[in-house]
Amino acid sequence: MDLLLLVLLGFWLMLPSFLPNSAAVVFGGGLPVDMGRSWRGKRLLGDGKTWRGLIGGICAGISLGIIQLYLAFPFDRLDFFGFGSFPTNLVVVIVLAVGSLAGDMVGSMIKRRLNIGRGNKAPLIDQYNFLLGSILLVLLLFPDWFLDNFWRNDGWVSLLAVLLITPILHRGVNIIGYKLGLKKVPW
């Protein structure tokens, strides 16, 4: 398969993972997910992870995935451009969106354990936590879907492209969020 097509396919399939993290910032605020609880003297997640952000982010990722399925339907009613058949494709979209913010929260918890304050840089954790959360959850629940799209045959090229380009996209989106006043720091 053409290299550019493999790169685009990888990002197409992971779009429901990319949006929730940014959307959580837009929808965020309010009651923290950890309800202010601490573990070993440190907050579990911190004030930056809120229920409104979590629910809004997941809903945004799922909504984007549904739009993708709708766009693919007239052209590819059997595989929905890699998402698979209905209703599995809808559940995969949900898993990707939920996994994204689950990974983000795990990253936040790790940062708290490492004494990295809210908004401070944490290389690799900040850039990959949401993506790894999505990959691990979909791999756990839909291993064949992940392996068929991101490993078998030429799928590993899609995975490699997503892994290499994600930090660049992450930085760009954070700079935009910072300039719009949605984030306090540009990373």
C-alpha atoms as a PDB file:
ATOM      1  CA  MET A   1       0.000   0.000   0.000  1.00  0.00           C
ATOM      2  CA  ASP A   2       1.177   3.534  -0.683  1.00  0.00           C
ATOM      3  CA  LEU A   3       3.198   5.056   2.181  1.00  0.00           C
ATOM      4  CA  LEU A   4       1.134   8.248   2.389  1.00  0.00           C
ATOM      5  CA  LEU A   5      -2.079   6.227   2.469  1.00  0.00           C
ATOM      6  CA  LEU A   6      -0.735   4.112   5.360  1.00  0.00           C
ATOM      7  CA  VAL A   7       0.174   7.260   7.311  1.00  0.00           C
ATOM      8  CA  LEU A   8      -3.244   8.810   6.672  1.00  0.00           C
ATOM      9  CA  LEU A   9      -5.025   5.580   7.579  1.00  0.00           C
ATOM     10  CA  GLY A  10      -3.179   5.433  10.910  1.00  0.00           C
ATOM     11  CA  PHE A  11      -4.265   8.952  11.806  1.00  0.00           C
ATOM     12  CA  TRP A  12      -7.805   8.391  10.489  1.00  0.00           C
ATOM     13  CA  LEU A  13      -8.229   5.421  12.799  1.00  0.00           C
ATOM     14  CA  MET A  14      -6.707   7.176  15.809  1.00  0.00           C
ATOM     15  CA  LEU A  15      -8.664  10.446  15.470  1.00  0.00           C
ATOM     16  CA  PRO A  16     -11.137   9.419  18.214  1.00  0.00           C
ATOM     17  CA  SER A  17      -8.051   9.166  20.482  1.00  0.00           C
ATOM     18  CA  PHE A  18      -6.615  12.544  19.585  1.00  0.00           C
ATOM     19  CA  LEU A  19      -9.648  14.775  20.153  1.00  0.00           C
ATOM     20  CA  PRO A  20     -10.662  13.871  23.751  1.00  0.00           C
ATOM     21  CA  ASN A  21      -7.466  15.209  25.308  1.00  0.00           C
ATOM     22  CA  SER A  22      -7.909  18.649  23.712  1.00  0.00           C
ATOM     23  CA  ALA A  23     -11.672  18.693  24.192  1.00  0.00           C
ATOM     24  CA  ALA A  24     -11.243  17.957  27.908  1.00  0.00           C
ATOM     25  CA  VAL A  25      -9.388  21.269  28.221  1.00  0.00           C
ATOM     26  CA  VAL A  26     -12.261  23.105  26.525  1.00  0.00           C
ATOM     27  CA  PHE A  27     -14.994  21.401  28.573  1.00  0.00           C
ATOM     28  CA  GLY A  28     -12.974  21.202  31.799  1.00  0.00           C
ATOM     29  CA  GLY A  29     -13.484  22.863  35.123  1.00  0.00           C
ATOM     30  CA  GLY A  30     -15.567  21.970  38.111  1.00  0.00           C
ATOM     31  CA  LEU A  31     -15.369  18.923  40.317  1.00  0.00           C
ATOM     32  CA  PRO A  32     -12.056  17.004  40.131  1.00  0.00           C
ATOM     33  CA  VAL A  33     -12.287  13.334  39.174  1.00  0.00           C
ATOM     34  CA  ASP A  34     -10.228  12.368  42.238  1.00  0.00           C
ATOM     35  CA  MET A  35     -12.611  14.370  44.474  1.00  0.00           C
ATOM     36  CA  GLY A  36      -9.562  15.867  46.187  1.00  0.00           C
ATOM     37  CA  ARG A  37      -8.324  12.498  47.429  1.00  0.00           C
ATOM     38  CA  SER A  38      -4.671  11.836  48.092  1.00  0.00           C
ATOM     39  CA  TRP A  39      -2.502   8.756  48.150  1.00  0.00           C
ATOM     40  CA  ARG A  40       0.661   8.723  50.216  1.00  0.00           C
ATOM     41  CA  GLY A  41       0.365  12.439  50.791  1.00  0.00           C
ATOM     42  CA  LYS A  42      -0.062  13.428  47.135  1.00  0.00           C
ATOM     43  CA  ARG A  43      -3.182  14.107  45.109  1.00  0.00           C
ATOM     44  CA  LEU A  44      -4.236  11.193  42.918  1.00  0.00           C
ATOM     45  CA  LEU A  45      -4.792  13.319  39.801  1.00  0.00           C
ATOM     46  CA  GLY A  46      -5.078  16.980  40.738  1.00  0.00           C
ATOM     47  CA  ASP A  47      -7.532  19.753  39.962  1.00  0.00           C
ATOM     48  CA  GLY A  48      -6.817  19.644  36.216  1.00  0.00           C
ATOM     49  CA  LYS A  49      -8.713  16.373  35.716  1.00  0.00           C
ATOM     50  CA  THR A  50     -12.400  17.181  36.125  1.00  0.00           C
ATOM     51  CA  TRP A  51     -15.613  15.274  35.549  1.00  0.00           C
ATOM     52  CA  ARG A  52     -16.793  17.876  33.057  1.00  0.00           C
ATOM     53  CA  GLY A  53     -13.554  17.575  31.101  1.00  0.00           C
ATOM     54  CA  LEU A  54     -13.636  13.773  31.245  1.00  0.00           C
ATOM     55  CA  ILE A  55     -17.226  13.461  30.047  1.00  0.00           C
ATOM     56  CA  GLY A  56     -16.919  16.291  27.509  1.00  0.00           C
ATOM     57  CA  GLY A  57     -13.668  14.885  26.116  1.00  0.00           C
ATOM     58  CA  ILE A  58     -15.007  11.356  25.775  1.00  0.00           C
ATOM     59  CA  CYS A  59     -18.222  12.618  24.150  1.00  0.00           C
ATOM     60  CA  ALA A  60     -16.180  14.723  21.707  1.00  0.00           C
ATOM     61  CA  GLY A  61     -14.044  11.711  20.720  1.00  0.00           C
ATOM     62  CA  ILE A  62     -17.088   9.495  20.281  1.00  0.00           C
ATOM     63  CA  SER A  63     -18.886  12.201  18.272  1.00  0.00           C
ATOM     64  CA  LEU A  64     -15.902  12.564  15.952  1.00  0.00           C
ATOM     65  CA  GLY A  65     -15.774   8.784  15.530  1.00  0.00           C
ATOM     66  CA  ILE A  66     -19.477   8.653  14.669  1.00  0.00           C
ATOM     67  CA  ILE A  67     -18.927  11.383  12.070  1.00  0.00           C
ATOM     68  CA  GLN A  68     -16.062   9.326  10.623  1.00  0.00           C
ATOM     69  CA  LEU A  69     -18.294   6.233  10.438  1.00  0.00           C
ATOM     70  CA  TYR A  70     -21.022   8.291   8.773  1.00  0.00           C
ATOM     71  CA  LEU A  71     -18.560   9.695   6.227  1.00  0.00           C
ATOM     72  CA  ALA A  72     -17.280   6.206   5.423  1.00  0.00           C
ATOM     73  CA  PHE A  73     -20.722   4.568   5.207  1.00  0.00           C
ATOM     74  CA  PRO A  74     -21.621   5.483   1.613  1.00  0.00           C
ATOM     75  CA  PHE A  75     -18.242   4.291   0.335  1.00  0.00           C
ATOM     76  CA  ASP A  76     -17.353   1.308   2.516  1.00  0.00           C
ATOM     77  CA  ARG A  77     -20.384  -0.249   4.208  1.00  0.00           C
ATOM     78  CA  LEU A  78     -18.490  -3.376   5.285  1.00  0.00           C
ATOM     79  CA  ASP A  79     -15.291  -2.053   6.854  1.00  0.00           C
ATOM     80  CA  PHE A  80     -15.921   1.693   7.363  1.00  0.00           C
ATOM     81  CA  PHE A  81     -12.394   2.580   6.192  1.00  0.00           C
ATOM     82  CA  GLY A  82     -10.728   0.300   8.733  1.00  0.00           C
ATOM     83  CA  PHE A  83     -13.085   0.663  11.698  1.00  0.00           C
ATOM     84  CA  GLY A  84     -14.772  -2.683  10.982  1.00  0.00           C
ATOM     85  CA  SER A  85     -18.401  -3.706  10.754  1.00  0.00           C
ATOM     86  CA  PHE A  86     -21.279  -2.287  12.749  1.00  0.00           C
ATOM     87  CA  PRO A  87     -21.712  -2.368  15.787  1.00  0.00           C
ATOM     88  CA  THR A  88     -18.091  -3.338  16.517  1.00  0.00           C
ATOM     89  CA  ASN A  89     -16.868  -0.150  14.821  1.00  0.00           C
ATOM     90  CA  LEU A  90     -18.928   2.005  17.193  1.00  0.00           C
ATOM     91  CA  VAL A  91     -17.565   0.179  20.243  1.00  0.00           C
ATOM     92  CA  VAL A  92     -13.990   0.570  18.921  1.00  0.00           C
ATOM     93  CA  VAL A  93     -14.584   4.336  18.637  1.00  0.00           C
ATOM     94  CA  ILE A  94     -15.859   4.429  22.240  1.00  0.00           C
ATOM     95  CA  VAL A  95     -12.871   2.401  23.459  1.00  0.00           C
ATOM     96  CA  LEU A  96     -10.430   4.728  21.686  1.00  0.00           C
ATOM     97  CA  ALA A  97     -12.034   7.837  23.231  1.00  0.00           C
ATOM     98  CA  VAL A  98     -12.242   6.360  26.739  1.00  0.00           C
ATOM     99  CA  GLY A  99      -8.713   4.948  26.483  1.00  0.00           C
ATOM    100  CA  SER A 100      -7.399   8.370  25.528  1.00  0.00           C
ATOM    101  CA  LEU A 101      -8.537  10.044  28.724  1.00  0.00           C
ATOM    102  CA  ALA A 102      -7.788   6.987  30.844  1.00  0.00           C
ATOM    103  CA  GLY A 103      -4.214   7.182  29.569  1.00  0.00           C
ATOM    104  CA  ASP A 104      -4.150  10.912  30.270  1.00  0.00           C
ATOM    105  CA  MET A 105      -5.265  10.311  33.867  1.00  0.00           C
ATOM    106  CA  VAL A 106      -2.657   7.582  34.370  1.00  0.00           C
ATOM    107  CA  GLY A 107      -0.048  10.010  33.067  1.00  0.00           C
ATOM    108  CA  SER A 108      -1.270  12.629  35.524  1.00  0.00           C
ATOM    109  CA  MET A 109      -1.066  10.130  38.366  1.00  0.00           C
ATOM    110  CA  ILE A 110       2.506   9.233  37.384  1.00  0.00           C
ATOM    111  CA  LYS A 111       3.426  12.921  37.272  1.00  0.00           C
ATOM    112  CA  ARG A 112       2.050  13.403  40.803  1.00  0.00           C
ATOM    113  CA  ARG A 113       4.126  10.433  42.043  1.00  0.00           C
ATOM    114  CA  LEU A 114       7.249  11.933  40.407  1.00  0.00           C
ATOM    115  CA  ASN A 115       6.592  15.339  42.030  1.00  0.00           C
ATOM    116  CA  ILE A 116       5.990  16.982  38.642  1.00  0.00           C
ATOM    117  CA  GLY A 117       3.528  19.798  39.247  1.00  0.00           C
ATOM    118  CA  ARG A 118       0.423  20.555  37.215  1.00  0.00           C
ATOM    119  CA  GLY A 119       1.416  22.215  33.961  1.00  0.00           C
ATOM    120  CA  ASN A 120       5.091  21.295  34.284  1.00  0.00           C
ATOM    121  CA  LYS A 121       6.797  19.439  31.459  1.00  0.00           C
ATOM    122  CA  ALA A 122       7.048  15.678  31.581  1.00  0.00           C
ATOM    123  CA  PRO A 123       8.708  14.549  28.331  1.00  0.00           C
ATOM    124  CA  LEU A 124       7.192  11.427  26.778  1.00  0.00           C
ATOM    125  CA  ILE A 125       4.479  11.193  29.453  1.00  0.00           C
ATOM    126  CA  ASP A 126       2.769  14.340  28.161  1.00  0.00           C
ATOM    127  CA  GLN A 127       3.067  13.396  24.502  1.00  0.00           C
ATOM    128  CA  TYR A 128       2.123   9.725  24.644  1.00  0.00           C
ATOM    129  CA  ASN A 129      -0.087   9.069  27.691  1.00  0.00           C
ATOM    130  CA  PHE A 130      -3.387   9.516  25.829  1.00  0.00           C
ATOM    131  CA  LEU A 131      -2.212   7.545  22.804  1.00  0.00           C
ATOM    132  CA  LEU A 132      -0.840   4.651  24.849  1.00  0.00           C
ATOM    133  CA  GLY A 133      -4.048   4.548  26.878  1.00  0.00           C
ATOM    134  CA  SER A 134      -6.076   4.164  23.684  1.00  0.00           C
ATOM    135  CA  ILE A 135      -3.727   1.606  22.192  1.00  0.00           C
ATOM    136  CA  LEU A 136      -3.597  -0.525  25.341  1.00  0.00           C
ATOM    137  CA  LEU A 137      -7.367  -0.481  25.883  1.00  0.00           C
ATOM    138  CA  VAL A 138      -8.203  -1.295  22.267  1.00  0.00           C
ATOM    139  CA  LEU A 139      -5.471  -3.955  22.230  1.00  0.00           C
ATOM    140  CA  LEU A 140      -6.989  -5.499  25.355  1.00  0.00           C
ATOM    141  CA  LEU A 141     -10.593  -5.431  24.089  1.00  0.00           C
ATOM    142  CA  PHE A 142     -10.156  -5.663  20.294  1.00  0.00           C
ATOM    143  CA  PRO A 143      -6.720  -7.179  19.670  1.00  0.00           C
ATOM    144  CA  ASP A 144      -7.528  -8.359  16.140  1.00  0.00           C
ATOM    145  CA  TRP A 145      -8.735  -4.880  15.127  1.00  0.00           C
ATOM    146  CA  PHE A 146      -5.522  -3.297  16.381  1.00  0.00           C
ATOM    147  CA  LEU A 147      -3.223  -5.958  14.917  1.00  0.00           C
ATOM    148  CA  ASP A 148      -5.001  -5.917  11.546  1.00  0.00           C
ATOM    149  CA  ASN A 149      -4.731  -2.126  11.265  1.00  0.00           C
ATOM    150  CA  PHE A 150      -1.468  -1.373  13.045  1.00  0.00           C
ATOM    151  CA  TRP A 151       0.758  -4.419  12.819  1.00  0.00           C
ATOM    152  CA  ARG A 152      -0.039  -7.090  10.257  1.00  0.00           C
ATOM    153  CA  ASN A 153       1.028  -6.655   6.647  1.00  0.00           C
ATOM    154  CA  ASP A 154       2.009  -2.972   6.299  1.00  0.00           C
ATOM    155  CA  GLY A 155       0.029  -1.806   9.344  1.00  0.00           C
ATOM    156  CA  TRP A 156       3.216  -1.314  11.357  1.00  0.00           C
ATOM    157  CA  VAL A 157       3.966   1.658   9.053  1.00  0.00           C
ATOM    158  CA  SER A 158       0.736   3.326  10.227  1.00  0.00           C
ATOM    159  CA  LEU A 159       1.665   2.688  13.847  1.00  0.00           C
ATOM    160  CA  LEU A 160       5.185   4.017  13.374  1.00  0.00           C
ATOM    161  CA  ALA A 161       3.870   7.151  11.665  1.00  0.00           C
ATOM    162  CA  VAL A 162       1.398   7.801  14.474  1.00  0.00           C
ATOM    163  CA  LEU A 163       4.094   7.305  17.109  1.00  0.00           C
ATOM    164  CA  LEU A 164       6.610   9.560  15.348  1.00  0.00           C
ATOM    165  CA  ILE A 165       4.251  12.376  14.372  1.00  0.00           C
ATOM    166  CA  THR A 166       2.186  12.513  17.583  1.00  0.00           C
ATOM    167  CA  PRO A 167       4.704  14.609  19.603  1.00  0.00           C
ATOM    168  CA  ILE A 168       4.789  17.216  16.822  1.00  0.00           C
ATOM    169  CA  LEU A 169       0.991  17.371  16.645  1.00  0.00           C
ATOM    170  CA  HIS A 170       0.744  17.433  20.435  1.00  0.00           C
ATOM    171  CA  ARG A 171       3.087  20.408  20.649  1.00  0.00           C
ATOM    172  CA  GLY A 172       1.275  22.268  17.872  1.00  0.00           C
ATOM    173  CA  VAL A 173      -2.156  21.769  19.433  1.00  0.00           C
ATOM    174  CA  ASN A 174      -0.837  22.864  22.837  1.00  0.00           C
ATOM    175  CA  ILE A 175       0.638  26.040  21.364  1.00  0.00           C
ATOM    176  CA  ILE A 176      -2.726  26.817  19.745  1.00  0.00           C
ATOM    177  CA  GLY A 177      -4.504  26.145  23.064  1.00  0.00           C
ATOM    178  CA  TYR A 178      -2.057  28.436  24.839  1.00  0.00           C
ATOM    179  CA  LYS A 179      -2.526  31.252  22.316  1.00  0.00           C
ATOM    180  CA  LEU A 180      -6.318  30.899  22.623  1.00  0.00           C
ATOM    181  CA  GLY A 181      -6.013  31.183  26.413  1.00  0.00           C
ATOM    182  CA  LEU A 182      -7.226  27.634  27.029  1.00  0.00           C
ATOM    183  CA  LYS A 183      -3.901  26.452  28.464  1.00  0.00           C
ATOM    184  CA  LYS A 184      -1.579  28.181  30.913  1.00  0.00           C
ATOM    185  CA  VAL A 185       1.568  26.755  29.320  1.00  0.00           C
ATOM    186  CA  PRO A 186       2.405  26.010  25.655  1.00  0.00           C
ATOM    187  CA  TRP A 187       3.429  22.361  26.234  1.00  0.00           C
END
